[in-house]
Amino acid sequence: MKPLSSEQVAAFKEAGFLQLKRMLDPGLCEQALDRLWAALPANSRMRRHDASTHVGPFPADEESRDPLHIRAGYLWQLRECGTEPLLIELAYSPKLLAVAEQLLGEGMLAKPTVGGRPMGSEGPAWPGGPTDPAITDGIRGIYCTRPYADEDRSVERDRGHTDGHPFHLGLVGLLADVPPNGGAFKVWPGSHRRLYPTFQLQYDQPRLPYYDHLPRHKGIVHTPAYLAELERVMEDTEPVDCWGERGDVVLWHHRLAHMAGHNTSSVMRQAVLCDFSRTDLNHRRMDPPQANMWRDWSEDLQVS
C-alpha cells in the first residue's frame, strides 16, 4: 500500500503542496525541542515554559549572527543540529521516506549524512554571511518565529518568494502546535506551475558574486518573466496558512511561492525544515525548464 492516495498525489501536482497530519514522531519532536532549548545561552531571558518570554524580538545582547545558530529579531534558527542523528531520524523516518519516494521515485531519494556538515558550515560568502546557508549534508535545522510584540502587530502584507538552491521537495514539520496566524509556513497554491517556466534553469538560479567596489548588485538573478509572474501571483492568489498540530507536516514543490508567516499569535512557531532531493539532481540541474515539469518526478506524478 502506498501512503498517498491518487487524490492526494493529484492535489500535490495541482496545488504544489500537501498537508499531512501526525507524520512526525511525538517523542522525537519533544527531544528536538529539548535540543533547541538546550542551545540557548544560560543568561537568556527566554524560558521554555513561560510563553510570555517568547514575545517580541531578541534583545540586542542576546542576538547571534553565527550561521549555525542565528538569533536576530523575531527569528531563531538552530542549524548546528541538522546532521545529528536525532534530527535526521525525525525528518527521514520510514513514514516520511515512503511519502517522499512516492513523489520522487522509489530508490531515488538522496540520503543524508549523519555527522556531516550542517547548514551554515561553509559555502560562498555573501553579505551578512559568512556562508551560503543552502549547503548541508542533513536537514536545514529547527526554525522558530517569535510572536510580534503589541507595538509591532501592524505588519506589512504577505510577500512570497522561491528558494534559489537546488532541491526537489521541501518539508516543514511542526514540533509543537501552531495556531492560525502563528507564523506557520504560508504558500501560494498553484504558483509552482506558473513560476517554473520563468526560470533559466530547472533547479538552480544564477547568482552575482559580491564585490566591495561593486556593491549595487549581489545575490540571486531573477528573470524579468519571473518577477512579473510573481507579482501577478501576489495579486491574484490567496495564500494558505499551513498551521496545525504537533507532528503535522507540509510538503512543497521547490518552485512554489512561500514565506514564513507573520506571527501575530501568542505562541512561538517551532518547526523542523528539510529538503529532499533525487540522487540524479547533479545530472539534471543544468537543464532548462521542461515542457513536462514532472519529468524528474515519480511515475505516480507522471500519470496523475
C-alpha atoms as a PDB file:
ATOM      1  CA  MET A   1       0.000   0.000   0.000  1.00  0.00           C
ATOM      2  CA  LYS A   2       1.334   3.417  -0.957  1.00  0.00           C
ATOM      3  CA  PRO A   3       0.990   6.105   1.727  1.00  0.00           C
ATOM      4  CA  LEU A   4      -0.666   8.713  -0.503  1.00  0.00           C
ATOM      5  CA  SER A   5      -3.937   8.220  -2.326  1.00  0.00           C
ATOM      6  CA  SER A   6      -4.249   9.071  -6.013  1.00  0.00           C
ATOM      7  CA  GLU A   7      -6.340  12.071  -4.932  1.00  0.00           C
ATOM      8  CA  GLN A   8      -3.532  13.321  -2.672  1.00  0.00           C
ATOM      9  CA  VAL A   9      -0.941  12.921  -5.431  1.00  0.00           C
ATOM     10  CA  ALA A  10      -3.185  14.821  -7.844  1.00  0.00           C
ATOM     11  CA  ALA A  11      -3.732  17.544  -5.227  1.00  0.00           C
ATOM     12  CA  PHE A  12       0.034  17.952  -4.761  1.00  0.00           C
ATOM     13  CA  LYS A  13       0.524  18.170  -8.516  1.00  0.00           C
ATOM     14  CA  GLU A  14      -2.188  20.820  -8.856  1.00  0.00           C
ATOM     15  CA  ALA A  15      -1.527  22.963  -5.773  1.00  0.00           C
ATOM     16  CA  GLY A  16       2.202  22.360  -5.302  1.00  0.00           C
ATOM     17  CA  PHE A  17       1.875  21.437  -1.638  1.00  0.00           C
ATOM     18  CA  LEU A  18       0.284  18.837   0.595  1.00  0.00           C
ATOM     19  CA  GLN A  19      -0.522  18.974   4.309  1.00  0.00           C
ATOM     20  CA  LEU A  20      -0.374  15.687   6.207  1.00  0.00           C
ATOM     21  CA  LYS A  21      -1.415  15.036   9.802  1.00  0.00           C
ATOM     22  CA  ARG A  22       0.672  13.379  12.547  1.00  0.00           C
ATOM     23  CA  MET A  23       3.655  12.468  10.386  1.00  0.00           C
ATOM     24  CA  LEU A  24       6.379  13.249  12.946  1.00  0.00           C
ATOM     25  CA  ASP A  25       7.005  11.024  15.946  1.00  0.00           C
ATOM     26  CA  PRO A  26       5.794  12.985  19.027  1.00  0.00           C
ATOM     27  CA  GLY A  27       8.583  11.624  21.231  1.00  0.00           C
ATOM     28  CA  LEU A  28      11.233  12.730  18.764  1.00  0.00           C
ATOM     29  CA  CYS A  29       9.501  16.121  18.458  1.00  0.00           C
ATOM     30  CA  GLU A  30       9.887  16.562  22.209  1.00  0.00           C
ATOM     31  CA  GLN A  31      13.536  15.538  22.053  1.00  0.00           C
ATOM     32  CA  ALA A  32      14.108  18.022  19.225  1.00  0.00           C
ATOM     33  CA  LEU A  33      12.618  20.759  21.393  1.00  0.00           C
ATOM     34  CA  ASP A  34      14.920  19.671  24.229  1.00  0.00           C
ATOM     35  CA  ARG A  35      17.844  20.096  21.811  1.00  0.00           C
ATOM     36  CA  LEU A  36      16.599  23.526  20.719  1.00  0.00           C
ATOM     37  CA  TRP A  37      16.155  24.955  24.174  1.00  0.00           C
ATOM     38  CA  ALA A  38      19.405  23.493  25.495  1.00  0.00           C
ATOM     39  CA  ALA A  39      21.222  25.528  22.826  1.00  0.00           C
ATOM     40  CA  LEU A  40      20.194  28.874  24.341  1.00  0.00           C
ATOM     41  CA  PRO A  41      22.849  30.736  26.334  1.00  0.00           C
ATOM     42  CA  ALA A  42      22.433  30.329  30.083  1.00  0.00           C
ATOM     43  CA  ASN A  43      21.787  34.057  30.537  1.00  0.00           C
ATOM     44  CA  SER A  44      18.906  34.175  28.037  1.00  0.00           C
ATOM     45  CA  ARG A  45      15.689  35.829  29.215  1.00  0.00           C
ATOM     46  CA  MET A  46      13.659  33.259  27.278  1.00  0.00           C
ATOM     47  CA  ARG A  47      12.203  30.431  29.321  1.00  0.00           C
ATOM     48  CA  ARG A  48      10.861  27.360  27.587  1.00  0.00           C
ATOM     49  CA  HIS A  49       7.670  27.020  29.629  1.00  0.00           C
ATOM     50  CA  ASP A  50       6.948  30.733  30.047  1.00  0.00           C
ATOM     51  CA  ALA A  51       5.323  31.859  26.781  1.00  0.00           C
ATOM     52  CA  SER A  52       5.375  35.493  27.881  1.00  0.00           C
ATOM     53  CA  THR A  53       9.187  35.444  27.493  1.00  0.00           C
ATOM     54  CA  HIS A  54       8.869  34.375  23.834  1.00  0.00           C
ATOM     55  CA  VAL A  55       7.060  37.543  22.719  1.00  0.00           C
ATOM     56  CA  GLY A  56       8.906  40.275  20.870  1.00  0.00           C
ATOM     57  CA  PRO A  57      12.313  40.373  19.198  1.00  0.00           C
ATOM     58  CA  PHE A  58      15.526  39.105  20.725  1.00  0.00           C
ATOM     59  CA  PRO A  59      17.186  41.780  22.871  1.00  0.00           C
ATOM     60  CA  ALA A  60      20.329  43.167  21.277  1.00  0.00           C
ATOM     61  CA  ASP A  61      22.562  41.496  23.862  1.00  0.00           C
ATOM     62  CA  GLU A  62      21.083  38.063  23.035  1.00  0.00           C
ATOM     63  CA  GLU A  63      21.342  38.284  19.254  1.00  0.00           C
ATOM     64  CA  SER A  64      23.675  35.966  17.359  1.00  0.00           C
ATOM     65  CA  ARG A  65      24.779  36.153  13.716  1.00  0.00           C
ATOM     66  CA  ASP A  66      26.515  32.779  13.911  1.00  0.00           C
ATOM     67  CA  PRO A  67      25.250  30.996  10.749  1.00  0.00           C
ATOM     68  CA  LEU A  68      24.965  27.779  12.762  1.00  0.00           C
ATOM     69  CA  HIS A  69      22.786  29.392  15.425  1.00  0.00           C
ATOM     70  CA  ILE A  70      21.003  32.575  14.394  1.00  0.00           C
ATOM     71  CA  ARG A  71      19.036  34.682  16.859  1.00  0.00           C
ATOM     72  CA  ALA A  72      18.003  38.002  15.345  1.00  0.00           C
ATOM     73  CA  GLY A  73      14.786  39.991  15.563  1.00  0.00           C
ATOM     74  CA  TYR A  74      11.907  37.515  15.590  1.00  0.00           C
ATOM     75  CA  LEU A  75      13.901  34.671  14.035  1.00  0.00           C
ATOM     76  CA  TRP A  76      15.588  31.796  15.852  1.00  0.00           C
ATOM     77  CA  GLN A  77      17.319  29.289  13.564  1.00  0.00           C
ATOM     78  CA  LEU A  78      19.284  26.401  15.060  1.00  0.00           C
ATOM     79  CA  ARG A  79      21.218  24.782  12.210  1.00  0.00           C
ATOM     80  CA  GLU A  80      24.105  23.188  14.072  1.00  0.00           C
ATOM     81  CA  CYS A  81      21.956  20.137  14.862  1.00  0.00           C
ATOM     82  CA  GLY A  82      20.964  19.465  11.236  1.00  0.00           C
ATOM     83  CA  THR A  83      23.197  16.406  10.787  1.00  0.00           C
ATOM     84  CA  GLU A  84      22.759  14.960  14.272  1.00  0.00           C
ATOM     85  CA  PRO A  85      21.113  11.507  14.475  1.00  0.00           C
ATOM     86  CA  LEU A  86      18.045  12.843  16.281  1.00  0.00           C
ATOM     87  CA  LEU A  87      17.077  15.381  13.613  1.00  0.00           C
ATOM     88  CA  ILE A  88      17.815  13.017  10.725  1.00  0.00           C
ATOM     89  CA  GLU A  89      15.767  10.263  12.368  1.00  0.00           C
ATOM     90  CA  LEU A  90      12.897  12.729  12.801  1.00  0.00           C
ATOM     91  CA  ALA A  91      12.809  14.016   9.219  1.00  0.00           C
ATOM     92  CA  TYR A  92      13.860  10.804   7.459  1.00  0.00           C
ATOM     93  CA  SER A  93      11.505   8.457   9.304  1.00  0.00           C
ATOM     94  CA  PRO A  94      10.180   5.416   7.417  1.00  0.00           C
ATOM     95  CA  LYS A  95       6.764   7.087   7.210  1.00  0.00           C
ATOM     96  CA  LEU A  96       8.125  10.262   5.602  1.00  0.00           C
ATOM     97  CA  LEU A  97      10.552   8.354   3.380  1.00  0.00           C
ATOM     98  CA  ALA A  98       7.661   6.367   1.944  1.00  0.00           C
ATOM     99  CA  VAL A  99       5.818   9.588   1.075  1.00  0.00           C
ATOM    100  CA  ALA A 100       8.916  11.255  -0.392  1.00  0.00           C
ATOM    101  CA  GLU A 101       9.690   8.202  -2.524  1.00  0.00           C
ATOM    102  CA  GLN A 102       6.128   8.057  -3.806  1.00  0.00           C
ATOM    103  CA  LEU A 103       6.592  11.617  -5.084  1.00  0.00           C
ATOM    104  CA  LEU A 104      10.226  11.421  -6.184  1.00  0.00           C
ATOM    105  CA  GLY A 105      10.571   7.790  -7.257  1.00  0.00           C
ATOM    106  CA  GLU A 106      11.334   4.563  -5.441  1.00  0.00           C
ATOM    107  CA  GLY A 107      15.027   4.251  -4.628  1.00  0.00           C
ATOM    108  CA  MET A 108      15.738   7.750  -5.956  1.00  0.00           C
ATOM    109  CA  LEU A 109      15.925   9.672  -2.670  1.00  0.00           C
ATOM    110  CA  ALA A 110      19.336  11.104  -1.765  1.00  0.00           C
ATOM    111  CA  LYS A 111      20.366  10.101   1.761  1.00  0.00           C
ATOM    112  CA  PRO A 112      21.619  12.473   4.478  1.00  0.00           C
ATOM    113  CA  THR A 113      24.990  12.067   6.186  1.00  0.00           C
ATOM    114  CA  VAL A 114      24.920  11.681   9.957  1.00  0.00           C
ATOM    115  CA  GLY A 115      27.706  13.816  11.401  1.00  0.00           C
ATOM    116  CA  GLY A 116      28.168  15.690   8.124  1.00  0.00           C
ATOM    117  CA  ARG A 117      28.236  19.437   7.528  1.00  0.00           C
ATOM    118  CA  PRO A 118      25.197  21.237   8.951  1.00  0.00           C
ATOM    119  CA  MET A 119      23.714  24.199   7.130  1.00  0.00           C
ATOM    120  CA  GLY A 120      25.803  27.323   7.662  1.00  0.00           C
ATOM    121  CA  SER A 121      29.140  25.474   7.861  1.00  0.00           C
ATOM    122  CA  GLU A 122      30.601  26.541   4.542  1.00  0.00           C
ATOM    123  CA  GLY A 123      29.922  27.854   1.078  1.00  0.00           C
ATOM    124  CA  PRO A 124      30.382  31.067  -0.918  1.00  0.00           C
ATOM    125  CA  ALA A 125      30.362  34.132   1.293  1.00  0.00           C
ATOM    126  CA  TRP A 126      27.512  36.645   0.942  1.00  0.00           C
ATOM    127  CA  PRO A 127      26.878  39.956   2.666  1.00  0.00           C
ATOM    128  CA  GLY A 128      25.584  39.050   6.097  1.00  0.00           C
ATOM    129  CA  GLY A 129      27.107  35.558   5.617  1.00  0.00           C
ATOM    130  CA  PRO A 130      29.775  34.382   6.062  1.00  0.00           C
ATOM    131  CA  THR A 131      28.447  31.232   4.404  1.00  0.00           C
ATOM    132  CA  ASP A 132      25.809  30.173   1.920  1.00  0.00           C
ATOM    133  CA  PRO A 133      23.079  28.683   4.132  1.00  0.00           C
ATOM    134  CA  ALA A 134      21.818  26.318   1.433  1.00  0.00           C
ATOM    135  CA  ILE A 135      24.673  23.805   1.755  1.00  0.00           C
ATOM    136  CA  THR A 136      24.047  20.932   4.182  1.00  0.00           C
ATOM    137  CA  ASP A 137      24.573  17.178   4.473  1.00  0.00           C
ATOM    138  CA  GLY A 138      21.433  16.802   6.558  1.00  0.00           C
ATOM    139  CA  ILE A 139      18.342  18.911   7.177  1.00  0.00           C
ATOM    140  CA  ARG A 140      18.083  22.688   7.420  1.00  0.00           C
ATOM    141  CA  GLY A 141      17.525  22.646  11.181  1.00  0.00           C
ATOM    142  CA  ILE A 142      14.964  23.923  13.678  1.00  0.00           C
ATOM    143  CA  TYR A 143      13.400  27.256  12.707  1.00  0.00           C
ATOM    144  CA  CYS A 144      11.343  29.380  15.087  1.00  0.00           C
ATOM    145  CA  THR A 145       9.378  32.607  14.709  1.00  0.00           C
ATOM    146  CA  ARG A 146       8.682  34.573  17.860  1.00  0.00           C
ATOM    147  CA  PRO A 147       5.306  36.328  18.278  1.00  0.00           C
ATOM    148  CA  TYR A 148       5.214  40.012  17.484  1.00  0.00           C
ATOM    149  CA  ALA A 149       5.141  42.399  20.404  1.00  0.00           C
ATOM    150  CA  ASP A 150       1.987  44.532  20.657  1.00  0.00           C
ATOM    151  CA  GLU A 151       3.710  47.549  19.152  1.00  0.00           C
ATOM    152  CA  ASP A 152       4.778  45.501  16.099  1.00  0.00           C
ATOM    153  CA  ARG A 153       1.467  43.792  15.288  1.00  0.00           C
ATOM    154  CA  SER A 154       0.786  46.138  12.377  1.00  0.00           C
ATOM    155  CA  VAL A 155       2.727  44.112   9.823  1.00  0.00           C
ATOM    156  CA  GLU A 156       3.380  44.526   6.124  1.00  0.00           C
ATOM    157  CA  ARG A 157       1.453  42.467   3.597  1.00  0.00           C
ATOM    158  CA  ASP A 158       2.376  38.901   2.804  1.00  0.00           C
ATOM    159  CA  ARG A 159       5.128  38.570   0.229  1.00  0.00           C
ATOM    160  CA  GLY A 160       6.172  35.203  -1.212  1.00  0.00           C
ATOM    161  CA  HIS A 161       9.472  34.113  -2.714  1.00  0.00           C
ATOM    162  CA  THR A 162      11.111  30.983  -4.113  1.00  0.00           C
ATOM    163  CA  ASP A 163      14.335  29.359  -2.934  1.00  0.00           C
ATOM    164  CA  GLY A 164      17.429  29.651  -5.115  1.00  0.00           C
ATOM    165  CA  HIS A 165      19.287  26.468  -4.216  1.00  0.00           C
ATOM    166  CA  PRO A 166      18.719  23.125  -5.980  1.00  0.00           C
ATOM    167  CA  PHE A 167      16.400  20.520  -4.413  1.00  0.00           C
ATOM    168  CA  HIS A 168      13.084  18.868  -5.264  1.00  0.00           C
ATOM    169  CA  LEU A 169      10.743  18.598  -2.311  1.00  0.00           C
ATOM    170  CA  GLY A 170      10.614  20.766   0.798  1.00  0.00           C
ATOM    171  CA  LEU A 171       9.275  19.757   4.204  1.00  0.00           C
ATOM    172  CA  VAL A 172       8.160  21.877   7.146  1.00  0.00           C
ATOM    173  CA  GLY A 173       7.177  19.861  10.216  1.00  0.00           C
ATOM    174  CA  LEU A 174       5.610  21.287  13.372  1.00  0.00           C
ATOM    175  CA  LEU A 175       7.362  20.375  16.626  1.00  0.00           C
ATOM    176  CA  ALA A 176       4.573  21.991  18.660  1.00  0.00           C
ATOM    177  CA  ASP A 177       1.038  23.203  17.961  1.00  0.00           C
ATOM    178  CA  VAL A 178       0.792  26.367  15.865  1.00  0.00           C
ATOM    179  CA  PRO A 179      -2.487  28.329  15.724  1.00  0.00           C
ATOM    180  CA  PRO A 180      -3.766  30.345  12.737  1.00  0.00           C
ATOM    181  CA  ASN A 181      -1.590  33.425  12.143  1.00  0.00           C
ATOM    182  CA  GLY A 182       1.052  31.813  14.341  1.00  0.00           C
ATOM    183  CA  GLY A 183       3.988  32.141  11.956  1.00  0.00           C
ATOM    184  CA  ALA A 184       3.402  28.842  10.166  1.00  0.00           C
ATOM    185  CA  PHE A 185       4.590  28.147   6.626  1.00  0.00           C
ATOM    186  CA  LYS A 186       2.485  30.092   4.111  1.00  0.00           C
ATOM    187  CA  VAL A 187       2.127  29.093   0.438  1.00  0.00           C
ATOM    188  CA  TRP A 188       0.539  30.372  -2.779  1.00  0.00           C
ATOM    189  CA  PRO A 189      -1.347  27.392  -4.308  1.00  0.00           C
ATOM    190  CA  GLY A 190      -0.587  26.663  -7.952  1.00  0.00           C
ATOM    191  CA  SER A 191       2.253  29.161  -8.135  1.00  0.00           C
ATOM    192  CA  HIS A 192       4.771  26.397  -8.909  1.00  0.00           C
ATOM    193  CA  ARG A 193       3.100  25.758 -12.291  1.00  0.00           C
ATOM    194  CA  ARG A 194       3.192  29.446 -13.168  1.00  0.00           C
ATOM    195  CA  LEU A 195       6.716  30.196 -11.945  1.00  0.00           C
ATOM    196  CA  TYR A 196       8.514  27.037 -13.107  1.00  0.00           C
ATOM    197  CA  PRO A 197       8.723  28.038 -16.804  1.00  0.00           C
ATOM    198  CA  THR A 198      10.052  31.526 -15.956  1.00  0.00           C
ATOM    199  CA  PHE A 199      13.387  30.246 -14.604  1.00  0.00           C
ATOM    200  CA  GLN A 200      16.565  29.850 -16.651  1.00  0.00           C
ATOM    201  CA  LEU A 201      17.367  26.503 -15.045  1.00  0.00           C
ATOM    202  CA  GLN A 202      15.159  23.789 -13.567  1.00  0.00           C
ATOM    203  CA  TYR A 203      16.659  23.808 -10.086  1.00  0.00           C
ATOM    204  CA  ASP A 204      19.475  26.332  -9.753  1.00  0.00           C
ATOM    205  CA  GLN A 205      19.389  30.097 -10.049  1.00  0.00           C
ATOM    206  CA  PRO A 206      22.354  32.142 -11.266  1.00  0.00           C
ATOM    207  CA  ARG A 207      23.958  34.373  -8.631  1.00  0.00           C
ATOM    208  CA  LEU A 208      26.016  37.531  -8.868  1.00  0.00           C
ATOM    209  CA  PRO A 209      29.144  37.484  -6.681  1.00  0.00           C
ATOM    210  CA  TYR A 210      29.519  40.342  -4.211  1.00  0.00           C
ATOM    211  CA  TYR A 211      32.399  42.772  -4.594  1.00  0.00           C
ATOM    212  CA  ASP A 212      33.144  45.643  -2.204  1.00  0.00           C
ATOM    213  CA  HIS A 213      33.909  48.023  -5.081  1.00  0.00           C
ATOM    214  CA  LEU A 214      30.729  46.988  -6.962  1.00  0.00           C
ATOM    215  CA  PRO A 215      28.142  46.896  -4.199  1.00  0.00           C
ATOM    216  CA  ARG A 216      24.959  47.637  -6.131  1.00  0.00           C
ATOM    217  CA  HIS A 217      24.154  44.130  -7.401  1.00  0.00           C
ATOM    218  CA  LYS A 218      24.508  40.893  -5.483  1.00  0.00           C
ATOM    219  CA  GLY A 219      22.766  37.599  -4.900  1.00  0.00           C
ATOM    220  CA  ILE A 220      20.195  35.688  -6.936  1.00  0.00           C
ATOM    221  CA  VAL A 221      19.470  36.789 -10.505  1.00  0.00           C
ATOM    222  CA  HIS A 222      15.757  36.687 -11.382  1.00  0.00           C
ATOM    223  CA  THR A 223      14.443  36.787 -14.937  1.00  0.00           C
ATOM    224  CA  PRO A 224      12.029  39.594 -15.864  1.00  0.00           C
ATOM    225  CA  ALA A 225       9.424  36.915 -16.631  1.00  0.00           C
ATOM    226  CA  TYR A 226       9.755  35.511 -13.104  1.00  0.00           C
ATOM    227  CA  LEU A 227       9.463  38.902 -11.419  1.00  0.00           C
ATOM    228  CA  ALA A 228       6.394  39.799 -13.474  1.00  0.00           C
ATOM    229  CA  GLU A 229       4.656  36.469 -12.829  1.00  0.00           C
ATOM    230  CA  LEU A 230       5.456  36.592  -9.111  1.00  0.00           C
ATOM    231  CA  GLU A 231       3.769  39.991  -8.921  1.00  0.00           C
ATOM    232  CA  ARG A 232       0.699  38.551 -10.629  1.00  0.00           C
ATOM    233  CA  VAL A 233       0.635  35.627  -8.198  1.00  0.00           C
ATOM    234  CA  MET A 234       0.810  38.009  -5.251  1.00  0.00           C
ATOM    235  CA  GLU A 235      -2.148  39.952  -6.643  1.00  0.00           C
ATOM    236  CA  ASP A 236      -4.486  37.185  -7.791  1.00  0.00           C
ATOM    237  CA  THR A 237      -3.817  34.228  -5.455  1.00  0.00           C
ATOM    238  CA  GLU A 238      -4.820  33.961  -1.804  1.00  0.00           C
ATOM    239  CA  PRO A 239      -2.071  32.351   0.300  1.00  0.00           C
ATOM    240  CA  VAL A 240      -2.739  29.354   2.549  1.00  0.00           C
ATOM    241  CA  ASP A 241      -1.599  29.448   6.181  1.00  0.00           C
ATOM    242  CA  CYS A 242      -0.348  25.907   6.941  1.00  0.00           C
ATOM    243  CA  TRP A 243      -0.995  25.954  10.691  1.00  0.00           C
ATOM    244  CA  GLY A 244      -1.611  22.746  12.613  1.00  0.00           C
ATOM    245  CA  GLU A 245      -0.728  20.449  15.481  1.00  0.00           C
ATOM    246  CA  ARG A 246       2.498  18.854  16.645  1.00  0.00           C
ATOM    247  CA  GLY A 247       3.638  16.291  14.099  1.00  0.00           C
ATOM    248  CA  ASP A 248       1.793  17.813  11.133  1.00  0.00           C
ATOM    249  CA  VAL A 249       3.883  18.476   8.032  1.00  0.00           C
ATOM    250  CA  VAL A 250       3.572  20.356   4.762  1.00  0.00           C
ATOM    251  CA  LEU A 251       5.394  19.074   1.676  1.00  0.00           C
ATOM    252  CA  TRP A 252       6.000  21.566  -1.111  1.00  0.00           C
ATOM    253  CA  HIS A 253       7.378  21.814  -4.649  1.00  0.00           C
ATOM    254  CA  HIS A 254      10.705  23.633  -4.922  1.00  0.00           C
ATOM    255  CA  ARG A 255       9.271  26.327  -7.251  1.00  0.00           C
ATOM    256  CA  LEU A 256       6.265  27.114  -5.052  1.00  0.00           C
ATOM    257  CA  ALA A 257       5.992  30.710  -3.798  1.00  0.00           C
ATOM    258  CA  HIS A 258       6.120  30.675   0.004  1.00  0.00           C
ATOM    259  CA  MET A 259       7.111  32.572   3.129  1.00  0.00           C
ATOM    260  CA  ALA A 260       7.386  32.194   6.880  1.00  0.00           C
ATOM    261  CA  GLY A 261       4.094  33.615   8.083  1.00  0.00           C
ATOM    262  CA  HIS A 262       3.823  36.676  10.304  1.00  0.00           C
ATOM    263  CA  ASN A 263       3.305  35.555  13.885  1.00  0.00           C
ATOM    264  CA  THR A 264       0.549  37.647  15.453  1.00  0.00           C
ATOM    265  CA  SER A 265      -0.450  34.913  17.916  1.00  0.00           C
ATOM    266  CA  SER A 266       0.832  34.427  21.452  1.00  0.00           C
ATOM    267  CA  VAL A 267       2.721  31.215  20.590  1.00  0.00           C
ATOM    268  CA  MET A 268       6.194  30.832  19.094  1.00  0.00           C
ATOM    269  CA  ARG A 269       6.330  28.764  15.904  1.00  0.00           C
ATOM    270  CA  GLN A 270       8.783  25.858  16.347  1.00  0.00           C
ATOM    271  CA  ALA A 271       9.362  23.715  13.264  1.00  0.00           C
ATOM    272  CA  VAL A 272      11.874  21.453  11.576  1.00  0.00           C
ATOM    273  CA  LEU A 273      12.807  22.171   7.930  1.00  0.00           C
ATOM    274  CA  CYS A 274      14.216  19.701   5.435  1.00  0.00           C
ATOM    275  CA  ASP A 275      14.895  19.462   1.685  1.00  0.00           C
ATOM    276  CA  PHE A 276      14.518  16.154  -0.158  1.00  0.00           C
ATOM    277  CA  SER A 277      16.357  15.601  -3.450  1.00  0.00           C
ATOM    278  CA  ARG A 278      16.740  12.837  -6.019  1.00  0.00           C
ATOM    279  CA  THR A 279      20.044  11.077  -6.498  1.00  0.00           C
ATOM    280  CA  ASP A 280      20.233  12.336 -10.098  1.00  0.00           C
ATOM    281  CA  LEU A 281      19.879  16.020  -9.186  1.00  0.00           C
ATOM    282  CA  ASN A 282      23.503  16.757 -10.077  1.00  0.00           C
ATOM    283  CA  HIS A 283      22.936  15.482 -13.628  1.00  0.00           C
ATOM    284  CA  ARG A 284      19.659  17.372 -14.112  1.00  0.00           C
ATOM    285  CA  ARG A 285      20.354  20.727 -12.500  1.00  0.00           C
ATOM    286  CA  MET A 286      21.684  22.468 -15.612  1.00  0.00           C
ATOM    287  CA  ASP A 287      18.654  21.572 -17.723  1.00  0.00           C
ATOM    288  CA  PRO A 288      16.243  24.374 -18.636  1.00  0.00           C
ATOM    289  CA  PRO A 289      12.578  24.097 -17.583  1.00  0.00           C
ATOM    290  CA  GLN A 290      10.939  21.176 -19.346  1.00  0.00           C
ATOM    291  CA  ALA A 291       7.698  21.021 -21.322  1.00  0.00           C
ATOM    292  CA  ASN A 292       6.726  18.366 -18.777  1.00  0.00           C
ATOM    293  CA  MET A 293       7.697  19.882 -15.436  1.00  0.00           C
ATOM    294  CA  TRP A 294       7.249  16.477 -13.745  1.00  0.00           C
ATOM    295  CA  ARG A 295       9.836  14.704 -15.939  1.00  0.00           C
ATOM    296  CA  ASP A 296      12.163  14.106 -12.992  1.00  0.00           C
ATOM    297  CA  TRP A 297       9.485  13.010 -10.531  1.00  0.00           C
ATOM    298  CA  SER A 298       7.852   9.647  -9.807  1.00  0.00           C
ATOM    299  CA  GLU A 299       5.682   7.621 -12.124  1.00  0.00           C
ATOM    300  CA  ASP A 300       2.736   8.398  -9.839  1.00  0.00           C
ATOM    301  CA  LEU A 301       3.126  12.097 -10.655  1.00  0.00           C
ATOM    302  CA  GLN A 302       3.749  11.383 -14.310  1.00  0.00           C
ATOM    303  CA  VAL A 303       0.398   9.634 -14.738  1.00  0.00           C
ATOM    304  CA  SER A 304      -1.814  11.525 -12.261  1.00  0.00           C
END
